[in-house]
Every structure is written in structure tokens, then in C-alpha cells.
Amino acid sequence: MGTRVTLICERPGILIGRRGELIKRLTGDIQSRFQLDNPQIEVQEEREPNLNAQLMSEKLAKP
């Protein structure tokens, strides 16, 4: 078992990408940047995005 990374986002389908291409690229980037052998990436959906301060501030900051 490798290092577990949990990503919480509003729309996980966009992060994963078609056929998992984006998540595979992200896994490779994490592997090379942090010298991890086998990073396990878990993507979770934020159930109440309006209650997440980080997501709301990013939405408000966009033009």
C-alpha cells in the first residue's frame, strides 16, 4: 500500500476525466514531484459545497 491522497471537490467527474486520463496524469505528477512509490488517489464529492468556505471563496473570486 502506498501513500493515500484524498481530494474533495465539487464535481469529481471533471477531475477524473474521460477514461481516467486526468487522474492518471495527476498520479504521475504526484509520484514524480514527491518521490512516492505508489500514491493512491481517492476523489470524494463535497456533499454540501455551499457550506465549504474554500469552494465558496473560489466561486466568488472568479470574474
Protein backbone atom coordinates (compact mmCIF):
# COMPACT_ATOMS: atom_id res chain seq x y z
CA MET A 1 0.00 0.00 0.00
CA GLY A 2 1.27 3.44 -0.88
CA THR A 3 0.54 6.95 0.28
CA ARG A 4 -3.16 7.83 0.29
CA VAL A 5 -4.21 11.24 -1.04
CA THR A 6 -7.84 12.33 -0.66
CA LEU A 7 -9.19 15.08 -2.91
CA ILE A 8 -12.53 16.63 -2.04
CA CYS A 9 -14.10 18.54 -4.90
CA GLU A 10 -17.45 19.79 -6.09
CA ARG A 11 -17.52 17.80 -9.34
CA PRO A 12 -15.32 14.68 -9.23
CA GLY A 13 -16.16 13.63 -12.80
CA ILE A 14 -14.28 16.62 -14.18
CA LEU A 15 -11.25 15.84 -12.02
CA ILE A 16 -11.18 12.19 -13.08
CA GLY A 17 -11.61 12.95 -16.79
CA ARG A 18 -12.52 10.67 -19.65
CA ARG A 19 -11.34 7.12 -19.11
CA GLY A 20 -9.41 8.34 -16.06
CA GLU A 21 -6.84 10.24 -18.12
CA LEU A 22 -6.59 13.27 -15.83
CA ILE A 23 -6.38 11.23 -12.64
CA LYS A 24 -3.63 9.07 -14.17
CA ARG A 25 -1.68 12.19 -15.13
CA LEU A 26 -2.19 13.61 -11.63
CA THR A 27 -0.95 10.35 -10.10
CA GLY A 28 2.18 10.52 -12.24
CA ASP A 29 2.80 14.15 -11.28
CA ILE A 30 2.44 13.40 -7.57
CA GLN A 31 4.70 10.37 -7.96
CA SER A 32 7.48 12.35 -9.62
CA ARG A 33 7.26 15.56 -7.57
CA PHE A 34 7.15 13.92 -4.15
CA GLN A 35 9.11 10.73 -4.95
CA LEU A 36 6.25 8.47 -3.82
CA ASP A 37 6.23 4.84 -4.90
CA ASN A 38 2.53 4.14 -5.19
CA PRO A 39 0.23 7.11 -4.44
CA GLN A 40 -3.41 6.11 -4.01
CA ILE A 41 -5.70 8.99 -5.01
CA GLU A 42 -9.24 8.98 -3.69
CA VAL A 43 -11.70 11.53 -5.09
CA GLN A 44 -14.68 12.44 -2.95
CA GLU A 45 -17.60 14.69 -3.80
CA GLU A 46 -18.32 17.60 -1.48
CA ARG A 47 -21.92 16.92 -0.48
CA GLU A 48 -22.69 20.49 0.61
CA PRO A 49 -20.43 22.77 -1.47
CA ASN A 50 -22.24 25.88 -0.19
CA LEU A 51 -21.03 25.10 3.33
CA ASN A 52 -17.38 24.74 2.28
CA ALA A 53 -15.61 28.08 2.78
CA GLN A 54 -12.80 27.27 0.34
CA LEU A 55 -15.16 26.38 -2.51
CA MET A 56 -17.37 29.40 -1.90
CA SER A 57 -14.43 31.82 -1.81
CA GLU A 58 -13.10 30.41 -5.09
CA LYS A 59 -16.54 30.80 -6.70
CA LEU A 60 -16.82 34.41 -5.52
CA ALA A 61 -13.31 35.27 -6.70
CA LYS A 62 -13.96 34.17 -10.30
CA PRO A 63 -14.87 37.03 -12.66
